[in-house]
Amino acid sequence: MKLLEEDGVSYLVKVAILGQEALNAAHPHFSMEDLRRAGDVPNIIDQIISVWSFELAHPGFDPATQQFDVGLVFEENVPAEWIEEISER
């Protein structure tokens, strides 16, 4: 966020994306089949499963305390109906 602030006002855009769209955007340069052949899982799935399984083992755990690092690359503009909230940071 600090890097964004150096360029002026930063905004946080919250979007709701279908699962397949998120997977495609998380790995735009290779397919899910390529990941499976390599014995890997998509980064976005790995982080979700890690937090979910930790929460199952530790019921008092609050997933909101976690920070995620998953980049999404879209080849086209994100449809306006995906946008849930825009807030100035």
PDB file of N, CA and C in Angstrom:
ATOM      1  N   MET A   1       0.822  -1.172   0.000  1.00  0.00           N
ATOM      2  CA  MET A   1       0.000   0.000   0.000  1.00  0.00           C
ATOM      3  C   MET A   1       0.877   1.251   0.000  1.00  0.00           C
ATOM      4  N   LYS A   2       2.032   1.193   0.662  1.00  0.00           N
ATOM      5  CA  LYS A   2       2.898   2.366   0.742  1.00  0.00           C
ATOM      6  C   LYS A   2       3.380   2.782  -0.643  1.00  0.00           C
ATOM      7  N   LEU A   3       3.671   1.827  -1.517  1.00  0.00           N
ATOM      8  CA  LEU A   3       4.085   2.171  -2.873  1.00  0.00           C
ATOM      9  C   LEU A   3       2.983   2.895  -3.629  1.00  0.00           C
ATOM     10  N   LEU A   4       1.749   2.450  -3.453  1.00  0.00           N
ATOM     11  CA  LEU A   4       0.622   3.120  -4.099  1.00  0.00           C
ATOM     12  C   LEU A   4       0.467   4.550  -3.605  1.00  0.00           C
ATOM     13  N   GLU A   5       0.694   4.761  -2.313  1.00  0.00           N
ATOM     14  CA  GLU A   5       0.541   6.088  -1.731  1.00  0.00           C
ATOM     15  C   GLU A   5       1.558   7.076  -2.287  1.00  0.00           C
ATOM     16  N   GLU A   6       2.709   6.584  -2.757  1.00  0.00           N
ATOM     17  CA  GLU A   6       3.716   7.472  -3.334  1.00  0.00           C
ATOM     18  C   GLU A   6       3.233   8.081  -4.645  1.00  0.00           C
ATOM     19  N   ASP A   7       2.295   7.450  -5.314  1.00  0.00           N
ATOM     20  CA  ASP A   7       1.779   7.940  -6.588  1.00  0.00           C
ATOM     21  C   ASP A   7       0.500   8.756  -6.433  1.00  0.00           C
ATOM     22  N   GLY A   8       0.119   9.085  -5.233  1.00  0.00           N
ATOM     23  CA  GLY A   8      -1.100   9.867  -5.015  1.00  0.00           C
ATOM     24  C   GLY A   8      -2.067   9.124  -4.123  1.00  0.00           C
ATOM     25  N   VAL A   9      -3.334   9.334  -4.345  1.00  0.00           N
ATOM     26  CA  VAL A   9      -4.376   8.703  -3.537  1.00  0.00           C
ATOM     27  C   VAL A   9      -4.525   7.244  -3.977  1.00  0.00           C
ATOM     28  N   SER A  10      -4.538   6.356  -3.006  1.00  0.00           N
ATOM     29  CA  SER A  10      -4.727   4.938  -3.329  1.00  0.00           C
ATOM     30  C   SER A  10      -6.149   4.518  -2.998  1.00  0.00           C
ATOM     31  N   TYR A  11      -6.640   3.542  -3.725  1.00  0.00           N
ATOM     32  CA  TYR A  11      -7.981   3.022  -3.529  1.00  0.00           C
ATOM     33  C   TYR A  11      -7.923   1.514  -3.351  1.00  0.00           C
ATOM     34  N   LEU A  12      -8.779   1.016  -2.517  1.00  0.00           N
ATOM     35  CA  LEU A  12      -8.954  -0.414  -2.351  1.00  0.00           C
ATOM     36  C   LEU A  12     -10.247  -0.785  -3.062  1.00  0.00           C
ATOM     37  N   VAL A  13     -10.157  -1.703  -4.016  1.00  0.00           N
ATOM     38  CA  VAL A  13     -11.318  -2.125  -4.788  1.00  0.00           C
ATOM     39  C   VAL A  13     -11.627  -3.573  -4.417  1.00  0.00           C
ATOM     40  N   LYS A  14     -12.803  -3.790  -3.862  1.00  0.00           N
ATOM     41  CA  LYS A  14     -13.240  -5.125  -3.475  1.00  0.00           C
ATOM     42  C   LYS A  14     -14.118  -5.673  -4.595  1.00  0.00           C
ATOM     43  N   VAL A  15     -13.731  -6.846  -5.121  1.00  0.00           N
ATOM     44  CA  VAL A  15     -14.492  -7.452  -6.204  1.00  0.00           C
ATOM     45  C   VAL A  15     -14.903  -8.873  -5.833  1.00  0.00           C
ATOM     46  N   ALA A  16     -15.995  -9.323  -6.397  1.00  0.00           N
ATOM     47  CA  ALA A  16     -16.463 -10.701  -6.245  1.00  0.00           C
ATOM     48  C   ALA A  16     -16.255 -11.374  -7.604  1.00  0.00           C
ATOM     49  N   ILE A  17     -15.430 -12.403  -7.606  1.00  0.00           N
ATOM     50  CA  ILE A  17     -15.041 -13.061  -8.852  1.00  0.00           C
ATOM     51  C   ILE A  17     -15.409 -14.539  -8.785  1.00  0.00           C
ATOM     52  N   LEU A  18     -15.933 -15.060  -9.870  1.00  0.00           N
ATOM     53  CA  LEU A  18     -16.216 -16.490  -9.945  1.00  0.00           C
ATOM     54  C   LEU A  18     -14.912 -17.275  -9.793  1.00  0.00           C
ATOM     55  N   GLY A  19     -15.003 -18.441  -9.196  1.00  0.00           N
ATOM     56  CA  GLY A  19     -13.825 -19.257  -8.925  1.00  0.00           C
ATOM     57  C   GLY A  19     -12.943 -19.505 -10.132  1.00  0.00           C
ATOM     58  N   GLN A  20     -13.523 -19.910 -11.251  1.00  0.00           N
ATOM     59  CA  GLN A  20     -12.720 -20.203 -12.439  1.00  0.00           C
ATOM     60  C   GLN A  20     -12.042 -18.949 -12.973  1.00  0.00           C
ATOM     61  N   GLU A  21     -12.734 -17.813 -12.906  1.00  0.00           N
ATOM     62  CA  GLU A  21     -12.135 -16.546 -13.348  1.00  0.00           C
ATOM     63  C   GLU A  21     -10.931 -16.191 -12.465  1.00  0.00           C
ATOM     64  N   ALA A  22     -11.064 -16.398 -11.157  1.00  0.00           N
ATOM     65  CA  ALA A  22      -9.961 -16.115 -10.231  1.00  0.00           C
ATOM     66  C   ALA A  22      -8.779 -17.036 -10.501  1.00  0.00           C
ATOM     67  N   LEU A  23      -9.042 -18.317 -10.732  1.00  0.00           N
ATOM     68  CA  LEU A  23      -7.960 -19.255 -11.042  1.00  0.00           C
ATOM     69  C   LEU A  23      -7.235 -18.859 -12.318  1.00  0.00           C
ATOM     70  N   ASN A  24      -7.985 -18.518 -13.348  1.00  0.00           N
ATOM     71  CA  ASN A  24      -7.376 -18.106 -14.613  1.00  0.00           C
ATOM     72  C   ASN A  24      -6.538 -16.846 -14.446  1.00  0.00           C
ATOM     73  N   ALA A  25      -7.055 -15.892 -13.670  1.00  0.00           N
ATOM     74  CA  ALA A  25      -6.346 -14.627 -13.475  1.00  0.00           C
ATOM     75  C   ALA A  25      -5.121 -14.791 -12.572  1.00  0.00           C
ATOM     76  N   ALA A  26      -5.152 -15.764 -11.661  1.00  0.00           N
ATOM     77  CA  ALA A  26      -4.027 -16.000 -10.765  1.00  0.00           C
ATOM     78  C   ALA A  26      -2.861 -16.660 -11.494  1.00  0.00           C
ATOM     79  N   HIS A  27      -3.152 -17.353 -12.581  1.00  0.00           N
ATOM     80  CA  HIS A  27      -2.113 -18.057 -13.338  1.00  0.00           C
ATOM     81  C   HIS A  27      -2.329 -17.833 -14.833  1.00  0.00           C
ATOM     82  N   PRO A  28      -2.071 -16.611 -15.300  1.00  0.00           N
ATOM     83  CA  PRO A  28      -2.385 -16.292 -16.698  1.00  0.00           C
ATOM     84  C   PRO A  28      -1.423 -16.889 -17.720  1.00  0.00           C
ATOM     85  N   HIS A  29      -0.273 -17.381 -17.286  1.00  0.00           N
ATOM     86  CA  HIS A  29       0.742 -17.842 -18.237  1.00  0.00           C
ATOM     87  C   HIS A  29       0.827 -19.362 -18.378  1.00  0.00           C
ATOM     88  N   PHE A  30       0.084 -20.086 -17.544  1.00  0.00           N
ATOM     89  CA  PHE A  30       0.041 -21.541 -17.675  1.00  0.00           C
ATOM     90  C   PHE A  30      -1.284 -22.035 -17.127  1.00  0.00           C
ATOM     91  N   SER A  31      -1.661 -23.230 -17.527  1.00  0.00           N
ATOM     92  CA  SER A  31      -2.996 -23.746 -17.201  1.00  0.00           C
ATOM     93  C   SER A  31      -3.009 -24.514 -15.879  1.00  0.00           C
ATOM     94  N   MET A  32      -4.204 -24.782 -15.406  1.00  0.00           N
ATOM     95  CA  MET A  32      -4.362 -25.592 -14.200  1.00  0.00           C
ATOM     96  C   MET A  32      -3.827 -27.006 -14.444  1.00  0.00           C
ATOM     97  N   GLU A  33      -3.977 -27.496 -15.670  1.00  0.00           N
ATOM     98  CA  GLU A  33      -3.448 -28.817 -16.007  1.00  0.00           C
ATOM     99  C   GLU A  33      -1.928 -28.832 -15.877  1.00  0.00           C
ATOM    100  N   ASP A  34      -1.273 -27.730 -16.266  1.00  0.00           N
ATOM    101  CA  ASP A  34       0.184 -27.637 -16.108  1.00  0.00           C
ATOM    102  C   ASP A  34       0.566 -27.724 -14.633  1.00  0.00           C
ATOM    103  N   LEU A  35      -0.182 -27.044 -13.792  1.00  0.00           N
ATOM    104  CA  LEU A  35       0.090 -27.099 -12.353  1.00  0.00           C
ATOM    105  C   LEU A  35      -0.101 -28.508 -11.806  1.00  0.00           C
ATOM    106  N   ARG A  36      -1.196 -29.146 -12.199  1.00  0.00           N
ATOM    107  CA  ARG A  36      -1.463 -30.508 -11.712  1.00  0.00           C
ATOM    108  C   ARG A  36      -0.360 -31.473 -12.139  1.00  0.00           C
ATOM    109  N   ARG A  37       0.082 -31.352 -13.389  1.00  0.00           N
ATOM    110  CA  ARG A  37       1.167 -32.227 -13.872  1.00  0.00           C
ATOM    111  C   ARG A  37       2.439 -32.028 -13.063  1.00  0.00           C
ATOM    112  N   ALA A  38       2.656 -30.806 -12.604  1.00  0.00           N
ATOM    113  CA  ALA A  38       3.844 -30.499 -11.800  1.00  0.00           C
ATOM    114  C   ALA A  38       3.646 -30.875 -10.330  1.00  0.00           C
ATOM    115  N   GLY A  39       2.438 -31.382  -9.983  1.00  0.00           N
ATOM    116  CA  GLY A  39       2.158 -31.760  -8.597  1.00  0.00           C
ATOM    117  C   GLY A  39       1.915 -30.563  -7.702  1.00  0.00           C
ATOM    118  N   ASP A  40       1.471 -29.478  -8.293  1.00  0.00           N
ATOM    119  CA  ASP A  40       1.263 -28.243  -7.540  1.00  0.00           C
ATOM    120  C   ASP A  40      -0.222 -27.867  -7.550  1.00  0.00           C
ATOM    121  N   VAL A  41      -0.582 -26.925  -6.699  1.00  0.00           N
ATOM    122  CA  VAL A  41      -1.941 -26.370  -6.695  1.00  0.00           C
ATOM    123  C   VAL A  41      -1.828 -24.875  -6.907  1.00  0.00           C
ATOM    124  N   PRO A  42      -2.861 -24.246  -7.434  1.00  0.00           N
ATOM    125  CA  PRO A  42      -2.807 -22.799  -7.623  1.00  0.00           C
ATOM    126  C   PRO A  42      -2.554 -22.075  -6.303  1.00  0.00           C
ATOM    127  N   ASN A  43      -1.759 -21.018  -6.341  1.00  0.00           N
ATOM    128  CA  ASN A  43      -1.402 -20.244  -5.163  1.00  0.00           C
ATOM    129  C   ASN A  43      -2.631 -19.786  -4.389  1.00  0.00           C
ATOM    130  N   ILE A  44      -3.632 -19.304  -5.096  1.00  0.00           N
ATOM    131  CA  ILE A  44      -4.836 -18.793  -4.434  1.00  0.00           C
ATOM    132  C   ILE A  44      -5.548 -19.913  -3.661  1.00  0.00           C
ATOM    133  N   ILE A  45      -5.598 -21.108  -4.230  1.00  0.00           N
ATOM    134  CA  ILE A  45      -6.225 -22.261  -3.567  1.00  0.00           C
ATOM    135  C   ILE A  45      -5.396 -22.701  -2.366  1.00  0.00           C
ATOM    136  N   ASP A  46      -4.084 -22.724  -2.524  1.00  0.00           N
ATOM    137  CA  ASP A  46      -3.194 -23.119  -1.441  1.00  0.00           C
ATOM    138  C   ASP A  46      -3.398 -22.230  -0.216  1.00  0.00           C
ATOM    139  N   GLN A  47      -3.504 -20.928  -0.431  1.00  0.00           N
ATOM    140  CA  GLN A  47      -3.680 -20.017   0.703  1.00  0.00           C
ATOM    141  C   GLN A  47      -5.050 -20.174   1.357  1.00  0.00           C
ATOM    142  N   ILE A  48      -6.082 -20.358   0.561  1.00  0.00           N
ATOM    143  CA  ILE A  48      -7.428 -20.544   1.121  1.00  0.00           C
ATOM    144  C   ILE A  48      -7.494 -21.829   1.938  1.00  0.00           C
ATOM    145  N   ILE A  49      -6.968 -22.917   1.400  1.00  0.00           N
ATOM    146  CA  ILE A  49      -7.000 -24.200   2.110  1.00  0.00           C
ATOM    147  C   ILE A  49      -6.160 -24.143   3.379  1.00  0.00           C
ATOM    148  N   SER A  50      -5.023 -23.459   3.329  1.00  0.00           N
ATOM    149  CA  SER A  50      -4.179 -23.344   4.526  1.00  0.00           C
ATOM    150  C   SER A  50      -4.916 -22.645   5.664  1.00  0.00           C
ATOM    151  N   VAL A  51      -5.576 -21.542   5.363  1.00  0.00           N
ATOM    152  CA  VAL A  51      -6.313 -20.806   6.395  1.00  0.00           C
ATOM    153  C   VAL A  51      -7.510 -21.617   6.878  1.00  0.00           C
ATOM    154  N   TRP A  52      -8.235 -22.231   5.954  1.00  0.00           N
ATOM    155  CA  TRP A  52      -9.413 -23.023   6.319  1.00  0.00           C
ATOM    156  C   TRP A  52      -9.022 -24.194   7.216  1.00  0.00           C
ATOM    157  N   SER A  53      -7.956 -24.928   6.860  1.00  0.00           N
ATOM    158  CA  SER A  53      -7.554 -26.083   7.663  1.00  0.00           C
ATOM    159  C   SER A  53      -7.037 -25.648   9.037  1.00  0.00           C
ATOM    160  N   PHE A  54      -6.332 -24.510   9.099  1.00  0.00           N
ATOM    161  CA  PHE A  54      -5.862 -24.009  10.389  1.00  0.00           C
ATOM    162  C   PHE A  54      -7.044 -23.636  11.275  1.00  0.00           C
ATOM    163  N   GLU A  55      -8.065 -23.025  10.662  1.00  0.00           N
ATOM    164  CA  GLU A  55      -9.267 -22.647  11.417  1.00  0.00           C
ATOM    165  C   GLU A  55      -9.990 -23.884  11.950  1.00  0.00           C
ATOM    166  N   LEU A  56     -10.008 -24.951  11.164  1.00  0.00           N
ATOM    167  CA  LEU A  56     -10.636 -26.192  11.636  1.00  0.00           C
ATOM    168  C   LEU A  56      -9.894 -26.757  12.843  1.00  0.00           C
ATOM    169  N   ALA A  57      -8.578 -26.677  12.817  1.00  0.00           N
ATOM    170  CA  ALA A  57      -7.767 -27.215  13.917  1.00  0.00           C
ATOM    171  C   ALA A  57      -7.765 -26.299  15.134  1.00  0.00           C
ATOM    172  N   HIS A  58      -7.982 -25.001  14.906  1.00  0.00           N
ATOM    173  CA  HIS A  58      -7.946 -24.007  15.980  1.00  0.00           C
ATOM    174  C   HIS A  58      -9.201 -23.140  15.878  1.00  0.00           C
ATOM    175  N   PRO A  59     -10.323 -23.587  16.469  1.00  0.00           N
ATOM    176  CA  PRO A  59     -11.612 -22.905  16.313  1.00  0.00           C
ATOM    177  C   PRO A  59     -11.627 -21.426  16.708  1.00  0.00           C
ATOM    178  N   GLY A  60     -10.763 -20.972  17.575  1.00  0.00           N
ATOM    179  CA  GLY A  60     -10.735 -19.568  17.975  1.00  0.00           C
ATOM    180  C   GLY A  60      -9.986 -18.674  16.993  1.00  0.00           C
ATOM    181  N   PHE A  61      -9.378 -19.266  15.993  1.00  0.00           N
ATOM    182  CA  PHE A  61      -8.589 -18.529  15.011  1.00  0.00           C
ATOM    183  C   PHE A  61      -9.472 -17.610  14.175  1.00  0.00           C
ATOM    184  N   ASP A  62      -9.009 -16.395  13.923  1.00  0.00           N
ATOM    185  CA  ASP A  62      -9.748 -15.428  13.116  1.00  0.00           C
ATOM    186  C   ASP A  62      -9.033 -15.249  11.773  1.00  0.00           C
ATOM    187  N   PRO A  63      -9.603 -15.780  10.677  1.00  0.00           N
ATOM    188  CA  PRO A  63      -8.958 -15.672   9.365  1.00  0.00           C
ATOM    189  C   PRO A  63      -8.729 -14.228   8.928  1.00  0.00           C
ATOM    190  N   ALA A  64      -9.504 -13.278   9.472  1.00  0.00           N
ATOM    191  CA  ALA A  64      -9.347 -11.874   9.091  1.00  0.00           C
ATOM    192  C   ALA A  64      -7.999 -11.308   9.542  1.00  0.00           C
ATOM    193  N   THR A  65      -7.300 -12.024  10.422  1.00  0.00           N
ATOM    194  CA  THR A  65      -5.993 -11.549  10.887  1.00  0.00           C
ATOM    195  C   THR A  65      -4.893 -11.858   9.875  1.00  0.00           C
ATOM    196  N   GLN A  66      -5.197 -12.613   8.855  1.00  0.00           N
ATOM    197  CA  GLN A  66      -4.191 -13.030   7.879  1.00  0.00           C
ATOM    198  C   GLN A  66      -4.082 -12.050   6.723  1.00  0.00           C
ATOM    199  N   GLN A  67      -2.897 -12.018   6.133  1.00  0.00           N
ATOM    200  CA  GLN A  67      -2.673 -11.221   4.933  1.00  0.00           C
ATOM    201  C   GLN A  67      -2.319 -12.185   3.799  1.00  0.00           C
ATOM    202  N   PHE A  68      -2.883 -11.948   2.646  1.00  0.00           N
ATOM    203  CA  PHE A  68      -2.649 -12.817   1.504  1.00  0.00           C
ATOM    204  C   PHE A  68      -1.886 -12.073   0.429  1.00  0.00           C
ATOM    205  N   ASP A  69      -1.132 -12.818  -0.341  1.00  0.00           N
ATOM    206  CA  ASP A  69      -0.381 -12.239  -1.442  1.00  0.00           C
ATOM    207  C   ASP A  69      -0.694 -13.047  -2.698  1.00  0.00           C
ATOM    208  N   VAL A  70      -1.762 -12.665  -3.351  1.00  0.00           N
ATOM    209  CA  VAL A  70      -2.177 -13.336  -4.581  1.00  0.00           C
ATOM    210  C   VAL A  70      -2.457 -12.248  -5.616  1.00  0.00           C
ATOM    211  N   GLY A  71      -1.692 -12.272  -6.678  1.00  0.00           N
ATOM    212  CA  GLY A  71      -1.921 -11.314  -7.749  1.00  0.00           C
ATOM    213  C   GLY A  71      -2.862 -11.899  -8.786  1.00  0.00           C
ATOM    214  N   LEU A  72      -3.721 -11.070  -9.328  1.00  0.00           N
ATOM    215  CA  LEU A  72      -4.638 -11.482 -10.380  1.00  0.00           C
ATOM    216  C   LEU A  72      -4.403 -10.593 -11.596  1.00  0.00           C
ATOM    217  N   VAL A  73      -4.210 -11.215 -12.753  1.00  0.00           N
ATOM    218  CA  VAL A  73      -3.972 -10.485 -13.994  1.00  0.00           C
ATOM    219  C   VAL A  73      -5.146 -10.750 -14.930  1.00  0.00           C
ATOM    220  N   PHE A  74      -5.806  -9.681 -15.356  1.00  0.00           N
ATOM    221  CA  PHE A  74      -6.945  -9.801 -16.255  1.00  0.00           C
ATOM    222  C   PHE A  74      -6.559  -9.268 -17.626  1.00  0.00           C
ATOM    223  N   GLU A  75      -6.891 -10.018 -18.655  1.00  0.00           N
ATOM    224  CA  GLU A  75      -6.589  -9.615 -20.028  1.00  0.00           C
ATOM    225  C   GLU A  75      -7.529  -8.513 -20.509  1.00  0.00           C
ATOM    226  N   GLU A  76      -8.701  -8.409 -19.902  1.00  0.00           N
ATOM    227  CA  GLU A  76      -9.699  -7.415 -20.290  1.00  0.00           C
ATOM    228  C   GLU A  76     -10.146  -6.647 -19.056  1.00  0.00           C
ATOM    229  N   ASN A  77     -10.919  -5.602 -19.272  1.00  0.00           N
ATOM    230  CA  ASN A  77     -11.455  -4.844 -18.139  1.00  0.00           C
ATOM    231  C   ASN A  77     -12.318  -5.742 -17.258  1.00  0.00           C
ATOM    232  N   VAL A  78     -12.241  -5.509 -15.958  1.00  0.00           N
ATOM    233  CA  VAL A  78     -13.077  -6.240 -15.010  1.00  0.00           C
ATOM    234  C   VAL A  78     -14.500  -5.719 -15.162  1.00  0.00           C
ATOM    235  N   PRO A  79     -15.488  -6.611 -15.323  1.00  0.00           N
ATOM    236  CA  PRO A  79     -16.880  -6.155 -15.455  1.00  0.00           C
ATOM    237  C   PRO A  79     -17.321  -5.356 -14.226  1.00  0.00           C
ATOM    238  N   ALA A  80     -18.033  -4.284 -14.463  1.00  0.00           N
ATOM    239  CA  ALA A  80     -18.483  -3.405 -13.374  1.00  0.00           C
ATOM    240  C   ALA A  80     -19.311  -4.151 -12.334  1.00  0.00           C
ATOM    241  N   GLU A  81     -20.071  -5.158 -12.756  1.00  0.00           N
ATOM    242  CA  GLU A  81     -20.917  -5.882 -11.796  1.00  0.00           C
ATOM    243  C   GLU A  81     -20.102  -6.712 -10.803  1.00  0.00           C
ATOM    244  N   TRP A  82     -18.822  -6.931 -11.071  1.00  0.00           N
ATOM    245  CA  TRP A  82     -17.959  -7.637 -10.116  1.00  0.00           C
ATOM    246  C   TRP A  82     -17.566  -6.742  -8.949  1.00  0.00           C
ATOM    247  N   ILE A  83     -17.601  -5.425  -9.132  1.00  0.00           N
ATOM    248  CA  ILE A  83     -17.140  -4.504  -8.108  1.00  0.00           C
ATOM    249  C   ILE A  83     -18.173  -4.401  -6.997  1.00  0.00           C
ATOM    250  N   GLU A  84     -17.725  -4.695  -5.776  1.00  0.00           N
ATOM    251  CA  GLU A  84     -18.603  -4.624  -4.604  1.00  0.00           C
ATOM    252  C   GLU A  84     -18.403  -3.339  -3.815  1.00  0.00           C
ATOM    253  N   GLU A  85     -17.182  -2.831  -3.810  1.00  0.00           N
ATOM    254  CA  GLU A  85     -16.898  -1.657  -2.976  1.00  0.00           C
ATOM    255  C   GLU A  85     -15.599  -1.007  -3.442  1.00  0.00           C
ATOM    256  N   ILE A  86     -15.553   0.315  -3.393  1.00  0.00           N
ATOM    257  CA  ILE A  86     -14.332   1.069  -3.654  1.00  0.00           C
ATOM    258  C   ILE A  86     -14.159   2.023  -2.481  1.00  0.00           C
ATOM    259  N   SER A  87     -12.989   1.961  -1.851  1.00  0.00           N
ATOM    260  CA  SER A  87     -12.758   2.864  -0.718  1.00  0.00           C
ATOM    261  C   SER A  87     -11.384   3.514  -0.847  1.00  0.00           C
ATOM    262  N   GLU A  88     -11.319   4.782  -0.454  1.00  0.00           N
ATOM    263  CA  GLU A  88     -10.062   5.500  -0.464  1.00  0.00           C
ATOM    264  C   GLU A  88      -9.260   5.058   0.748  1.00  0.00           C
ATOM    265  N   ARG A  89      -8.008   4.829   0.559  1.00  0.00           N
ATOM    266  CA  ARG A  89      -7.150   4.374   1.661  1.00  0.00           C
ATOM    267  C   ARG A  89      -6.378   5.521   2.238  1.00  0.00           C
TER     268      ARG A  89
END
